[in-house]
């Protein structure tokens, strides 16, 4: 294999390892090949930063809906998450738990986006 191909495979397997470490409520990925490998490689071209995948997997793990807490007991899986429109929706927060402490929407403490000076409506 040339360097480009082997480097591409390394990127795919880094994402597999990251998913398996973060998404502990989901089935572990045993193998990435064929269409699955192509899907991951395509998402990597759109989102080349590994941190984007870390955010994606953390949002997936934090989502009650994606873990089956919905009216159909439907659960997301790795292949569903890797579809382009689904990945985008997860990253945008469509499946975040509303008001949950670990939904990826809270600004880090000390963030310049933290709102202050407001009082609760009665």
PDB file of N, CA and C in Angstrom:
ATOM      1  N   UNK A   1       0.836  -1.202   0.000  1.00  0.00           N
ATOM      2  CA  UNK A   1       0.000   0.000   0.000  1.00  0.00           C
ATOM      3  C   UNK A   1       0.868   1.248   0.000  1.00  0.00           C
ATOM      4  N   UNK A   2       0.340   2.262  -0.621  1.00  0.00           N
ATOM      5  CA  UNK A   2       1.091   3.513  -0.573  1.00  0.00           C
ATOM      6  C   UNK A   2       0.744   4.262   0.707  1.00  0.00           C
ATOM      7  N   UNK A   3       1.476   5.329   0.984  1.00  0.00           N
ATOM      8  CA  UNK A   3       1.293   6.070   2.235  1.00  0.00           C
ATOM      9  C   UNK A   3      -0.106   6.648   2.375  1.00  0.00           C
ATOM     10  N   UNK A   4      -0.673   7.136   1.266  1.00  0.00           N
ATOM     11  CA  UNK A   4      -1.992   7.760   1.333  1.00  0.00           C
ATOM     12  C   UNK A   4      -3.035   6.735   1.748  1.00  0.00           C
ATOM     13  N   UNK A   5      -3.000   5.551   1.146  1.00  0.00           N
ATOM     14  CA  UNK A   5      -3.994   4.535   1.477  1.00  0.00           C
ATOM     15  C   UNK A   5      -3.837   4.065   2.911  1.00  0.00           C
ATOM     16  N   UNK A   6      -2.617   3.790   3.339  1.00  0.00           N
ATOM     17  CA  UNK A   6      -2.428   3.310   4.707  1.00  0.00           C
ATOM     18  C   UNK A   6      -2.770   4.390   5.723  1.00  0.00           C
ATOM     19  N   UNK A   7      -2.488   5.651   5.397  1.00  0.00           N
ATOM     20  CA  UNK A   7      -2.846   6.743   6.297  1.00  0.00           C
ATOM     21  C   UNK A   7      -4.368   6.844   6.391  1.00  0.00           C
ATOM     22  N   UNK A   8      -5.063   6.686   5.273  1.00  0.00           N
ATOM     23  CA  UNK A   8      -6.525   6.722   5.264  1.00  0.00           C
ATOM     24  C   UNK A   8      -7.113   5.628   6.140  1.00  0.00           C
ATOM     25  N   UNK A   9      -6.564   4.444   6.072  1.00  0.00           N
ATOM     26  CA  UNK A   9      -7.043   3.347   6.914  1.00  0.00           C
ATOM     27  C   UNK A   9      -6.793   3.643   8.382  1.00  0.00           C
ATOM     28  N   UNK A  10      -5.655   4.242   8.687  1.00  0.00           N
ATOM     29  CA  UNK A  10      -5.367   4.606  10.073  1.00  0.00           C
ATOM     30  C   UNK A  10      -6.387   5.580  10.611  1.00  0.00           C
ATOM     31  N   UNK A  11      -6.794   6.549   9.781  1.00  0.00           N
ATOM     32  CA  UNK A  11      -7.815   7.508  10.198  1.00  0.00           C
ATOM     33  C   UNK A  11      -9.143   6.819  10.465  1.00  0.00           C
ATOM     34  N   UNK A  12      -9.502   5.866   9.619  1.00  0.00           N
ATOM     35  CA  UNK A  12     -10.746   5.119   9.803  1.00  0.00           C
ATOM     36  C   UNK A  12     -10.711   4.370  11.131  1.00  0.00           C
ATOM     37  N   UNK A  13      -9.622   3.694  11.396  1.00  0.00           N
ATOM     38  CA  UNK A  13      -9.538   2.889  12.617  1.00  0.00           C
ATOM     39  C   UNK A  13      -9.423   3.740  13.873  1.00  0.00           C
ATOM     40  N   UNK A  14      -8.875   4.953  13.760  1.00  0.00           N
ATOM     41  CA  UNK A  14      -8.863   5.874  14.901  1.00  0.00           C
ATOM     42  C   UNK A  14     -10.291   6.230  15.278  1.00  0.00           C
ATOM     43  N   UNK A  15     -11.137   6.441  14.268  1.00  0.00           N
ATOM     44  CA  UNK A  15     -12.538   6.772  14.527  1.00  0.00           C
ATOM     45  C   UNK A  15     -13.279   5.580  15.115  1.00  0.00           C
ATOM     46  N   UNK A  16     -12.946   4.383  14.667  1.00  0.00           N
ATOM     47  CA  UNK A  16     -13.542   3.175  15.225  1.00  0.00           C
ATOM     48  C   UNK A  16     -13.192   3.054  16.705  1.00  0.00           C
ATOM     49  N   UNK A  17     -11.946   3.262  17.027  1.00  0.00           N
ATOM     50  CA  UNK A  17     -11.498   3.169  18.414  1.00  0.00           C
ATOM     51  C   UNK A  17     -12.173   4.238  19.266  1.00  0.00           C
ATOM     52  N   UNK A  18     -12.264   5.442  18.756  1.00  0.00           N
ATOM     53  CA  UNK A  18     -12.905   6.536  19.475  1.00  0.00           C
ATOM     54  C   UNK A  18     -14.376   6.220  19.747  1.00  0.00           C
ATOM     55  N   UNK A  19     -15.078   5.723  18.728  1.00  0.00           N
ATOM     56  CA  UNK A  19     -16.476   5.337  18.891  1.00  0.00           C
ATOM     57  C   UNK A  19     -16.618   4.266  19.974  1.00  0.00           C
ATOM     58  N   UNK A  20     -15.800   3.239  19.905  1.00  0.00           N
ATOM     59  CA  UNK A  20     -15.882   2.143  20.878  1.00  0.00           C
ATOM     60  C   UNK A  20     -15.575   2.613  22.297  1.00  0.00           C
ATOM     61  N   UNK A  21     -14.706   3.609  22.446  1.00  0.00           N
ATOM     62  CA  UNK A  21     -14.368   4.125  23.778  1.00  0.00           C
ATOM     63  C   UNK A  21     -15.456   5.034  24.341  1.00  0.00           C
ATOM     64  N   UNK A  22     -16.099   5.839  23.489  1.00  0.00           N
ATOM     65  CA  UNK A  22     -17.065   6.836  23.960  1.00  0.00           C
ATOM     66  C   UNK A  22     -18.487   6.289  23.980  1.00  0.00           C
ATOM     67  N   UNK A  23     -18.881   5.598  22.937  1.00  0.00           N
ATOM     68  CA  UNK A  23     -20.275   5.137  22.801  1.00  0.00           C
ATOM     69  C   UNK A  23     -20.461   3.775  23.473  1.00  0.00           C
ATOM     70  N   UNK A  24     -20.303   3.746  24.784  1.00  0.00           N
ATOM     71  CA  UNK A  24     -20.352   2.491  25.531  1.00  0.00           C
ATOM     72  C   UNK A  24     -21.758   1.903  25.638  1.00  0.00           C
ATOM     73  N   UNK A  25     -22.793   2.689  25.363  1.00  0.00           N
ATOM     74  CA  UNK A  25     -24.170   2.191  25.410  1.00  0.00           C
ATOM     75  C   UNK A  25     -24.576   1.517  24.105  1.00  0.00           C
ATOM     76  N   UNK A  26     -23.717   1.548  23.118  1.00  0.00           N
ATOM     77  CA  UNK A  26     -24.006   0.983  21.803  1.00  0.00           C
ATOM     78  C   UNK A  26     -23.112  -0.223  21.555  1.00  0.00           C
ATOM     79  N   UNK A  27     -23.511  -1.053  20.591  1.00  0.00           N
ATOM     80  CA  UNK A  27     -22.688  -2.201  20.220  1.00  0.00           C
ATOM     81  C   UNK A  27     -21.337  -1.722  19.709  1.00  0.00           C
ATOM     82  N   UNK A  28     -20.305  -2.417  20.113  1.00  0.00           N
ATOM     83  CA  UNK A  28     -18.956  -2.075  19.657  1.00  0.00           C
ATOM     84  C   UNK A  28     -18.807  -2.431  18.175  1.00  0.00           C
ATOM     85  N   UNK A  29     -18.040  -1.627  17.472  1.00  0.00           N
ATOM     86  CA  UNK A  29     -17.744  -1.896  16.068  1.00  0.00           C
ATOM     87  C   UNK A  29     -16.662  -2.967  16.033  1.00  0.00           C
ATOM     88  N   UNK A  30     -16.930  -4.040  15.319  1.00  0.00           N
ATOM     89  CA  UNK A  30     -15.957  -5.117  15.200  1.00  0.00           C
ATOM     90  C   UNK A  30     -15.057  -4.939  13.982  1.00  0.00           C
ATOM     91  N   UNK A  31     -15.630  -4.382  12.903  1.00  0.00           N
ATOM     92  CA  UNK A  31     -14.869  -4.299  11.660  1.00  0.00           C
ATOM     93  C   UNK A  31     -15.392  -3.143  10.817  1.00  0.00           C
ATOM     94  N   UNK A  32     -14.470  -2.433  10.190  1.00  0.00           N
ATOM     95  CA  UNK A  32     -14.848  -1.392   9.233  1.00  0.00           C
ATOM     96  C   UNK A  32     -14.219  -1.762   7.894  1.00  0.00           C
ATOM     97  N   UNK A  33     -15.085  -2.172   6.970  1.00  0.00           N
ATOM     98  CA  UNK A  33     -14.615  -2.464   5.620  1.00  0.00           C
ATOM     99  C   UNK A  33     -15.753  -2.196   4.640  1.00  0.00           C
ATOM    100  N   UNK A  34     -15.468  -2.313   3.379  1.00  0.00           N
ATOM    101  CA  UNK A  34     -16.481  -2.151   2.347  1.00  0.00           C
ATOM    102  C   UNK A  34     -17.193  -0.807   2.409  1.00  0.00           C
ATOM    103  N   UNK A  35     -18.526  -0.864   2.346  1.00  0.00           N
ATOM    104  CA  UNK A  35     -19.342   0.352   2.324  1.00  0.00           C
ATOM    105  C   UNK A  35     -19.170   1.161   3.608  1.00  0.00           C
ATOM    106  N   UNK A  36     -19.000   0.487   4.716  1.00  0.00           N
ATOM    107  CA  UNK A  36     -18.811   1.185   5.998  1.00  0.00           C
ATOM    108  C   UNK A  36     -17.530   2.008   5.964  1.00  0.00           C
ATOM    109  N   UNK A  37     -16.457   1.446   5.453  1.00  0.00           N
ATOM    110  CA  UNK A  37     -15.182   2.163   5.364  1.00  0.00           C
ATOM    111  C   UNK A  37     -15.311   3.362   4.432  1.00  0.00           C
ATOM    112  N   UNK A  38     -16.027   3.188   3.331  1.00  0.00           N
ATOM    113  CA  UNK A  38     -16.234   4.294   2.392  1.00  0.00           C
ATOM    114  C   UNK A  38     -17.027   5.418   3.047  1.00  0.00           C
ATOM    115  N   UNK A  39     -18.032   5.064   3.848  1.00  0.00           N
ATOM    116  CA  UNK A  39     -18.842   6.083   4.530  1.00  0.00           C
ATOM    117  C   UNK A  39     -17.996   6.876   5.520  1.00  0.00           C
ATOM    118  N   UNK A  40     -17.180   6.175   6.299  1.00  0.00           N
ATOM    119  CA  UNK A  40     -16.330   6.859   7.273  1.00  0.00           C
ATOM    120  C   UNK A  40     -15.318   7.750   6.554  1.00  0.00           C
ATOM    121  N   UNK A  41     -14.725   7.241   5.485  1.00  0.00           N
ATOM    122  CA  UNK A  41     -13.748   8.029   4.726  1.00  0.00           C
ATOM    123  C   UNK A  41     -14.400   9.276   4.133  1.00  0.00           C
ATOM    124  N   UNK A  42     -15.644   9.144   3.663  1.00  0.00           N
ATOM    125  CA  UNK A  42     -16.351  10.303   3.105  1.00  0.00           C
ATOM    126  C   UNK A  42     -16.635  11.341   4.183  1.00  0.00           C
ATOM    127  N   UNK A  43     -17.039  10.907   5.369  1.00  0.00           N
ATOM    128  CA  UNK A  43     -17.285  11.857   6.462  1.00  0.00           C
ATOM    129  C   UNK A  43     -15.981  12.513   6.893  1.00  0.00           C
ATOM    130  N   UNK A  44     -14.881  11.775   6.819  1.00  0.00           N
ATOM    131  CA  UNK A  44     -13.580  12.330   7.169  1.00  0.00           C
ATOM    132  C   UNK A  44     -13.186  13.437   6.192  1.00  0.00           C
ATOM    133  N   UNK A  45     -13.553  13.301   4.928  1.00  0.00           N
ATOM    134  CA  UNK A  45     -13.252  14.358   3.954  1.00  0.00           C
ATOM    135  C   UNK A  45     -14.030  15.625   4.290  1.00  0.00           C
ATOM    136  N   UNK A  46     -15.265  15.467   4.746  1.00  0.00           N
ATOM    137  CA  UNK A  46     -16.088  16.622   5.112  1.00  0.00           C
ATOM    138  C   UNK A  46     -15.654  17.207   6.446  1.00  0.00           C
ATOM    139  N   UNK A  47     -15.332  16.332   7.388  1.00  0.00           N
ATOM    140  CA  UNK A  47     -14.942  16.734   8.743  1.00  0.00           C
ATOM    141  C   UNK A  47     -13.570  16.128   9.056  1.00  0.00           C
ATOM    142  N   UNK A  48     -12.482  16.746   8.581  1.00  0.00           N
ATOM    143  CA  UNK A  48     -11.159  16.138   8.745  1.00  0.00           C
ATOM    144  C   UNK A  48     -10.608  16.181  10.172  1.00  0.00           C
ATOM    145  N   UNK A  49     -11.231  16.947  11.046  1.00  0.00           N
ATOM    146  CA  UNK A  49     -10.730  17.111  12.400  1.00  0.00           C
ATOM    147  C   UNK A  49     -11.263  15.997  13.305  1.00  0.00           C
ATOM    148  N   UNK A  50     -10.395  15.267  13.964  1.00  0.00           N
ATOM    149  CA  UNK A  50     -10.800  14.165  14.855  1.00  0.00           C
ATOM    150  C   UNK A  50     -11.705  14.660  15.986  1.00  0.00           C
ATOM    151  N   UNK A  51     -11.539  15.919  16.388  1.00  0.00           N
ATOM    152  CA  UNK A  51     -12.365  16.467  17.464  1.00  0.00           C
ATOM    153  C   UNK A  51     -13.839  16.516  17.073  1.00  0.00           C
ATOM    154  N   UNK A  52     -14.129  16.685  15.780  1.00  0.00           N
ATOM    155  CA  UNK A  52     -15.518  16.670  15.321  1.00  0.00           C
ATOM    156  C   UNK A  52     -16.132  15.302  15.579  1.00  0.00           C
ATOM    157  N   UNK A  53     -15.376  14.253  15.338  1.00  0.00           N
ATOM    158  CA  UNK A  53     -15.879  12.902  15.588  1.00  0.00           C
ATOM    159  C   UNK A  53     -16.028  12.649  17.080  1.00  0.00           C
ATOM    160  N   UNK A  54     -15.127  13.187  17.869  1.00  0.00           N
ATOM    161  CA  UNK A  54     -15.258  13.051  19.319  1.00  0.00           C
ATOM    162  C   UNK A  54     -16.547  13.725  19.789  1.00  0.00           C
ATOM    163  N   UNK A  55     -16.832  14.923  19.285  1.00  0.00           N
ATOM    164  CA  UNK A  55     -18.073  15.620  19.621  1.00  0.00           C
ATOM    165  C   UNK A  55     -19.276  14.801  19.170  1.00  0.00           C
ATOM    166  N   UNK A  56     -19.222  14.286  17.956  1.00  0.00           N
ATOM    167  CA  UNK A  56     -20.308  13.459  17.423  1.00  0.00           C
ATOM    168  C   UNK A  56     -20.582  12.272  18.334  1.00  0.00           C
ATOM    169  N   UNK A  57     -19.547  11.572  18.727  1.00  0.00           N
ATOM    170  CA  UNK A  57     -19.731  10.377  19.543  1.00  0.00           C
ATOM    171  C   UNK A  57     -20.185  10.726  20.957  1.00  0.00           C
ATOM    172  N   UNK A  58     -19.700  11.829  21.506  1.00  0.00           N
ATOM    173  CA  UNK A  58     -20.163  12.254  22.839  1.00  0.00           C
ATOM    174  C   UNK A  58     -21.641  12.640  22.799  1.00  0.00           C
ATOM    175  N   UNK A  59     -22.067  13.348  21.761  1.00  0.00           N
ATOM    176  CA  UNK A  59     -23.476  13.705  21.619  1.00  0.00           C
ATOM    177  C   UNK A  59     -24.332  12.446  21.449  1.00  0.00           C
ATOM    178  N   UNK A  60     -23.826  11.481  20.696  1.00  0.00           N
ATOM    179  CA  UNK A  60     -24.542  10.221  20.500  1.00  0.00           C
ATOM    180  C   UNK A  60     -24.722   9.500  21.830  1.00  0.00           C
ATOM    181  N   UNK A  61     -23.659   9.381  22.583  1.00  0.00           N
ATOM    182  CA  UNK A  61     -23.717   8.685  23.878  1.00  0.00           C
ATOM    183  C   UNK A  61     -24.617   9.419  24.873  1.00  0.00           C
ATOM    184  N   UNK A  62     -24.681  10.741  24.792  1.00  0.00           N
ATOM    185  CA  UNK A  62     -25.475  11.533  25.733  1.00  0.00           C
ATOM    186  C   UNK A  62     -26.959  11.587  25.361  1.00  0.00           C
ATOM    187  N   UNK A  63     -27.321  11.129  24.159  1.00  0.00           N
ATOM    188  CA  UNK A  63     -28.697  11.246  23.675  1.00  0.00           C
ATOM    189  C   UNK A  63     -29.558  10.062  24.098  1.00  0.00           C
ATOM    190  N   UNK A  64     -30.533  10.323  24.947  1.00  0.00           N
ATOM    191  CA  UNK A  64     -31.477   9.275  25.351  1.00  0.00           C
ATOM    192  C   UNK A  64     -32.251   8.758  24.143  1.00  0.00           C
ATOM    193  N   UNK A  65     -32.667   9.674  23.274  1.00  0.00           N
ATOM    194  CA  UNK A  65     -33.431   9.289  22.085  1.00  0.00           C
ATOM    195  C   UNK A  65     -32.653   8.298  21.233  1.00  0.00           C
ATOM    196  N   UNK A  66     -31.378   8.594  20.998  1.00  0.00           N
ATOM    197  CA  UNK A  66     -30.575   7.732  20.129  1.00  0.00           C
ATOM    198  C   UNK A  66     -30.264   6.393  20.787  1.00  0.00           C
ATOM    199  N   UNK A  67     -30.430   6.314  22.106  1.00  0.00           N
ATOM    200  CA  UNK A  67     -30.208   5.058  22.826  1.00  0.00           C
ATOM    201  C   UNK A  67     -31.499   4.264  23.014  1.00  0.00           C
ATOM    202  N   UNK A  68     -32.580   4.679  22.350  1.00  0.00           N
ATOM    203  CA  UNK A  68     -33.802   3.881  22.370  1.00  0.00           C
ATOM    204  C   UNK A  68     -34.923   4.410  23.232  1.00  0.00           C
ATOM    205  N   UNK A  69     -34.705   5.532  23.903  1.00  0.00           N
ATOM    206  CA  UNK A  69     -35.768   6.101  24.729  1.00  0.00           C
ATOM    207  C   UNK A  69     -36.662   6.975  23.854  1.00  0.00           C
ATOM    208  N   UNK A  70     -37.472   6.315  23.034  1.00  0.00           N
ATOM    209  CA  UNK A  70     -38.412   6.981  22.134  1.00  0.00           C
ATOM    210  C   UNK A  70     -39.604   6.062  21.949  1.00  0.00           C
ATOM    211  N   UNK A  71     -40.648   6.531  21.309  1.00  0.00           N
ATOM    212  CA  UNK A  71     -41.890   5.764  21.231  1.00  0.00           C
ATOM    213  C   UNK A  71     -41.788   4.486  20.390  1.00  0.00           C
ATOM    214  N   UNK A  72     -40.720   4.324  19.627  1.00  0.00           N
ATOM    215  CA  UNK A  72     -40.548   3.109  18.819  1.00  0.00           C
ATOM    216  C   UNK A  72     -39.431   2.207  19.346  1.00  0.00           C
ATOM    217  N   UNK A  73     -38.776   2.610  20.423  1.00  0.00           N
ATOM    218  CA  UNK A  73     -37.604   1.893  20.936  1.00  0.00           C
ATOM    219  C   UNK A  73     -36.514   1.757  19.870  1.00  0.00           C
ATOM    220  N   UNK A  74     -36.501   2.711  18.944  1.00  0.00           N
ATOM    221  CA  UNK A  74     -35.484   2.736  17.897  1.00  0.00           C
ATOM    222  C   UNK A  74     -34.156   3.150  18.508  1.00  0.00           C
ATOM    223  N   UNK A  75     -33.074   2.535  18.052  1.00  0.00           N
ATOM    224  CA  UNK A  75     -31.719   2.890  18.497  1.00  0.00           C
ATOM    225  C   UNK A  75     -30.858   3.214  17.285  1.00  0.00           C
ATOM    226  N   UNK A  76     -30.055   4.240  17.428  1.00  0.00           N
ATOM    227  CA  UNK A  76     -29.080   4.563  16.387  1.00  0.00           C
ATOM    228  C   UNK A  76     -27.986   3.505  16.398  1.00  0.00           C
ATOM    229  N   UNK A  77     -27.265   3.414  15.323  1.00  0.00           N
ATOM    230  CA  UNK A  77     -26.070   2.579  15.291  1.00  0.00           C
ATOM    231  C   UNK A  77     -24.993   3.320  14.503  1.00  0.00           C
ATOM    232  N   UNK A  78     -23.818   2.755  14.473  1.00  0.00           N
ATOM    233  CA  UNK A  78     -22.685   3.419  13.828  1.00  0.00           C
ATOM    234  C   UNK A  78     -22.970   3.761  12.375  1.00  0.00           C
ATOM    235  N   UNK A  79     -23.565   2.835  11.640  1.00  0.00           N
ATOM    236  CA  UNK A  79     -23.832   3.075  10.222  1.00  0.00           C
ATOM    237  C   UNK A  79     -24.831   4.216  10.032  1.00  0.00           C
ATOM    238  N   UNK A  80     -25.836   4.300  10.890  1.00  0.00           N
ATOM    239  CA  UNK A  80     -26.811   5.386  10.810  1.00  0.00           C
ATOM    240  C   UNK A  80     -26.127   6.721  11.095  1.00  0.00           C
ATOM    241  N   UNK A  81     -25.267   6.755  12.105  1.00  0.00           N
ATOM    242  CA  UNK A  81     -24.572   7.990  12.485  1.00  0.00           C
ATOM    243  C   UNK A  81     -23.660   8.475  11.357  1.00  0.00           C
ATOM    244  N   UNK A  82     -23.091   7.553  10.595  1.00  0.00           N
ATOM    245  CA  UNK A  82     -22.144   7.915   9.532  1.00  0.00           C
ATOM    246  C   UNK A  82     -22.821   8.399   8.251  1.00  0.00           C
ATOM    247  N   UNK A  83     -24.132   8.325   8.164  1.00  0.00           N
ATOM    248  CA  UNK A  83     -24.817   8.876   6.984  1.00  0.00           C
ATOM    249  C   UNK A  83     -24.694  10.394   7.046  1.00  0.00           C
ATOM    250  N   UNK A  84     -24.440  11.044   5.915  1.00  0.00           N
ATOM    251  CA  UNK A  84     -24.125  12.484   5.936  1.00  0.00           C
ATOM    252  C   UNK A  84     -25.185  13.352   6.599  1.00  0.00           C
ATOM    253  N   UNK A  85     -26.444  13.158   6.277  1.00  0.00           N
ATOM    254  CA  UNK A  85     -27.459  14.024   6.883  1.00  0.00           C
ATOM    255  C   UNK A  85     -27.632  13.727   8.365  1.00  0.00           C
ATOM    256  N   UNK A  86     -27.495  12.464   8.756  1.00  0.00           N
ATOM    257  CA  UNK A  86     -27.640  12.110  10.164  1.00  0.00           C
ATOM    258  C   UNK A  86     -26.491  12.672  10.994  1.00  0.00           C
ATOM    259  N   UNK A  87     -25.278  12.569  10.478  1.00  0.00           N
ATOM    260  CA  UNK A  87     -24.121  13.103  11.196  1.00  0.00           C
ATOM    261  C   UNK A  87     -24.291  14.596  11.426  1.00  0.00           C
ATOM    262  N   UNK A  88     -24.722  15.291  10.404  1.00  0.00           N
ATOM    263  CA  UNK A  88     -24.924  16.730  10.511  1.00  0.00           C
ATOM    264  C   UNK A  88     -25.983  17.051  11.572  1.00  0.00           C
ATOM    265  N   UNK A  89     -27.096  16.312  11.569  1.00  0.00           N
ATOM    266  CA  UNK A  89     -28.166  16.569  12.543  1.00  0.00           C
ATOM    267  C   UNK A  89     -27.703  16.307  13.970  1.00  0.00           C
ATOM    268  N   UNK A  90     -26.926  15.246  14.161  1.00  0.00           N
ATOM    269  CA  UNK A  90     -26.412  14.956  15.509  1.00  0.00           C
ATOM    270  C   UNK A  90     -25.501  16.090  15.963  1.00  0.00           C
ATOM    271  N   UNK A  91     -24.594  16.516  15.084  1.00  0.00           N
ATOM    272  CA  UNK A  91     -23.675  17.602  15.429  1.00  0.00           C
ATOM    273  C   UNK A  91     -24.418  18.909  15.704  1.00  0.00           C
ATOM    274  N   UNK A  92     -25.515  19.145  15.002  1.00  0.00           N
ATOM    275  CA  UNK A  92     -26.306  20.360  15.202  1.00  0.00           C
ATOM    276  C   UNK A  92     -27.163  20.306  16.469  1.00  0.00           C
ATOM    277  N   UNK A  93     -27.235  19.145  17.110  1.00  0.00           N
ATOM    278  CA  UNK A  93     -27.967  19.041  18.364  1.00  0.00           C
ATOM    279  C   UNK A  93     -29.410  18.590  18.252  1.00  0.00           C
ATOM    280  N   UNK A  94     -29.817  18.111  17.099  1.00  0.00           N
ATOM    281  CA  UNK A  94     -31.212  17.694  16.922  1.00  0.00           C
ATOM    282  C   UNK A  94     -31.620  16.597  17.902  1.00  0.00           C
ATOM    283  N   UNK A  95     -30.712  15.733  18.287  1.00  0.00           N
ATOM    284  CA  UNK A  95     -31.029  14.609  19.169  1.00  0.00           C
ATOM    285  C   UNK A  95     -30.543  14.808  20.597  1.00  0.00           C
ATOM    286  N   UNK A  96     -30.109  16.024  20.928  1.00  0.00           N
ATOM    287  CA  UNK A  96     -29.673  16.316  22.296  1.00  0.00           C
ATOM    288  C   UNK A  96     -30.844  16.189  23.260  1.00  0.00           C
ATOM    289  N   UNK A  97     -30.570  15.698  24.449  1.00  0.00           N
ATOM    290  CA  UNK A  97     -31.580  15.717  25.505  1.00  0.00           C
ATOM    291  C   UNK A  97     -31.835  17.172  25.850  1.00  0.00           C
ATOM    292  N   UNK A  98     -33.070  17.546  25.939  1.00  0.00           N
ATOM    293  CA  UNK A  98     -33.401  18.936  26.241  1.00  0.00           C
ATOM    294  C   UNK A  98     -33.197  19.210  27.728  1.00  0.00           C
ATOM    295  N   UNK A  99     -32.357  20.177  28.020  1.00  0.00           N
ATOM    296  CA  UNK A  99     -32.121  20.589  29.400  1.00  0.00           C
ATOM    297  C   UNK A  99     -31.226  19.671  30.203  1.00  0.00           C
ATOM    298  N   UNK A 100     -30.692  18.629  29.567  1.00  0.00           N
ATOM    299  CA  UNK A 100     -29.822  17.709  30.292  1.00  0.00           C
ATOM    300  C   UNK A 100     -28.462  18.315  30.540  1.00  0.00           C
ATOM    301  N   UNK A 101     -27.775  17.876  31.583  1.00  0.00           N
ATOM    302  CA  UNK A 101     -26.470  18.448  31.915  1.00  0.00           C
ATOM    303  C   UNK A 101     -25.372  18.064  30.938  1.00  0.00           C
ATOM    304  N   UNK A 102     -25.534  16.960  30.208  1.00  0.00           N
ATOM    305  CA  UNK A 102     -24.452  16.474  29.352  1.00  0.00           C
ATOM    306  C   UNK A 102     -24.895  16.406  27.903  1.00  0.00           C
ATOM    307  N   UNK A 103     -25.597  17.436  27.436  1.00  0.00           N
ATOM    308  CA  UNK A 103     -26.108  17.384  26.076  1.00  0.00           C
ATOM    309  C   UNK A 103     -25.228  18.103  25.067  1.00  0.00           C
ATOM    310  N   UNK A 104     -24.092  18.581  25.477  1.00  0.00           N
ATOM    311  CA  UNK A 104     -23.174  19.225  24.557  1.00  0.00           C
ATOM    312  C   UNK A 104     -23.525  20.672  24.246  1.00  0.00           C
ATOM    313  N   UNK A 105     -24.579  21.205  24.870  1.00  0.00           N
ATOM    314  CA  UNK A 105     -24.997  22.573  24.580  1.00  0.00           C
ATOM    315  C   UNK A 105     -24.514  23.584  25.607  1.00  0.00           C
ATOM    316  N   UNK A 106     -24.067  23.131  26.748  1.00  0.00           N
ATOM    317  CA  UNK A 106     -23.628  24.049  27.788  1.00  0.00           C
ATOM    318  C   UNK A 106     -22.277  24.640  27.416  1.00  0.00           C
ATOM    319  N   UNK A 107     -22.137  25.967  27.505  1.00  0.00           N
ATOM    320  CA  UNK A 107     -20.822  26.544  27.221  1.00  0.00           C
ATOM    321  C   UNK A 107     -19.844  26.165  28.324  1.00  0.00           C
ATOM    322  N   UNK A 108     -18.577  26.011  27.993  1.00  0.00           N
ATOM    323  CA  UNK A 108     -17.605  25.711  29.032  1.00  0.00           C
ATOM    324  C   UNK A 108     -17.571  26.828  30.058  1.00  0.00           C
ATOM    325  N   UNK A 109     -17.261  26.484  31.310  1.00  0.00           N
ATOM    326  CA  UNK A 109     -17.226  27.542  32.318  1.00  0.00           C
ATOM    327  C   UNK A 109     -16.153  28.543  31.922  1.00  0.00           C
ATOM    328  N   UNK A 110     -16.451  29.815  32.135  1.00  0.00           N
ATOM    329  CA  UNK A 110     -15.540  30.864  31.729  1.00  0.00           C
ATOM    330  C   UNK A 110     -15.690  31.239  30.264  1.00  0.00           C
ATOM    331  N   UNK A 111     -16.650  30.620  29.584  1.00  0.00           N
ATOM    332  CA  UNK A 111     -16.852  30.907  28.161  1.00  0.00           C
ATOM    333  C   UNK A 111     -17.311  32.343  27.970  1.00  0.00           C
ATOM    334  N   UNK A 112     -16.933  32.934  26.883  1.00  0.00           N
ATOM    335  CA  UNK A 112     -17.368  34.295  26.596  1.00  0.00           C
ATOM    336  C   UNK A 112     -18.843  34.334  26.219  1.00  0.00           C
ATOM    337  N   UNK A 113     -19.472  33.161  26.053  1.00  0.00           N
ATOM    338  CA  UNK A 113     -20.878  33.101  25.680  1.00  0.00           C
ATOM    339  C   UNK A 113     -21.802  32.896  26.875  1.00  0.00           C
ATOM    340  N   UNK A 114     -21.267  32.852  28.057  1.00  0.00           N
ATOM    341  CA  UNK A 114     -22.082  32.624  29.240  1.00  0.00           C
ATOM    342  C   UNK A 114     -22.976  33.843  29.484  1.00  0.00           C
ATOM    343  N   UNK A 115     -24.268  33.593  29.679  1.00  0.00           N
ATOM    344  CA  UNK A 115     -25.220  34.675  29.921  1.00  0.00           C
ATOM    345  C   UNK A 115     -25.274  34.980  31.407  1.00  0.00           C
ATOM    346  N   UNK A 116     -25.214  36.246  31.732  1.00  0.00           N
ATOM    347  CA  UNK A 116     -25.306  36.674  33.131  1.00  0.00           C
ATOM    348  C   UNK A 116     -26.239  37.861  33.206  1.00  0.00           C
ATOM    349  N   UNK A 117     -26.718  38.159  34.395  1.00  0.00           N
ATOM    350  CA  UNK A 117     -27.528  39.352  34.607  1.00  0.00           C
ATOM    351  C   UNK A 117     -29.002  39.183  34.290  1.00  0.00           C
ATOM    352  N   UNK A 118     -29.452  37.940  34.084  1.00  0.00           N
ATOM    353  CA  UNK A 118     -30.863  37.703  33.789  1.00  0.00           C
ATOM    354  C   UNK A 118     -31.529  37.098  35.011  1.00  0.00           C
ATOM    355  N   UNK A 119     -32.791  37.415  35.209  1.00  0.00           N
ATOM    356  CA  UNK A 119     -33.545  36.787  36.282  1.00  0.00           C
ATOM    357  C   UNK A 119     -34.600  35.880  35.680  1.00  0.00           C
ATOM    358  N   UNK A 120     -34.975  34.852  36.411  1.00  0.00           N
ATOM    359  CA  UNK A 120     -35.957  33.898  35.917  1.00  0.00           C
ATOM    360  C   UNK A 120     -37.341  34.554  35.846  1.00  0.00           C
ATOM    361  N   UNK A 121     -38.100  34.188  34.833  1.00  0.00           N
ATOM    362  CA  UNK A 121     -39.476  34.682  34.701  1.00  0.00           C
ATOM    363  C   UNK A 121     -40.344  34.006  35.748  1.00  0.00           C
ATOM    364  N   UNK A 122     -41.298  34.751  36.264  1.00  0.00           N
ATOM    365  CA  UNK A 122     -42.171  34.177  37.288  1.00  0.00           C
ATOM    366  C   UNK A 122     -43.452  33.676  36.700  1.00  0.00           C
TER     367      UNK A 122
END
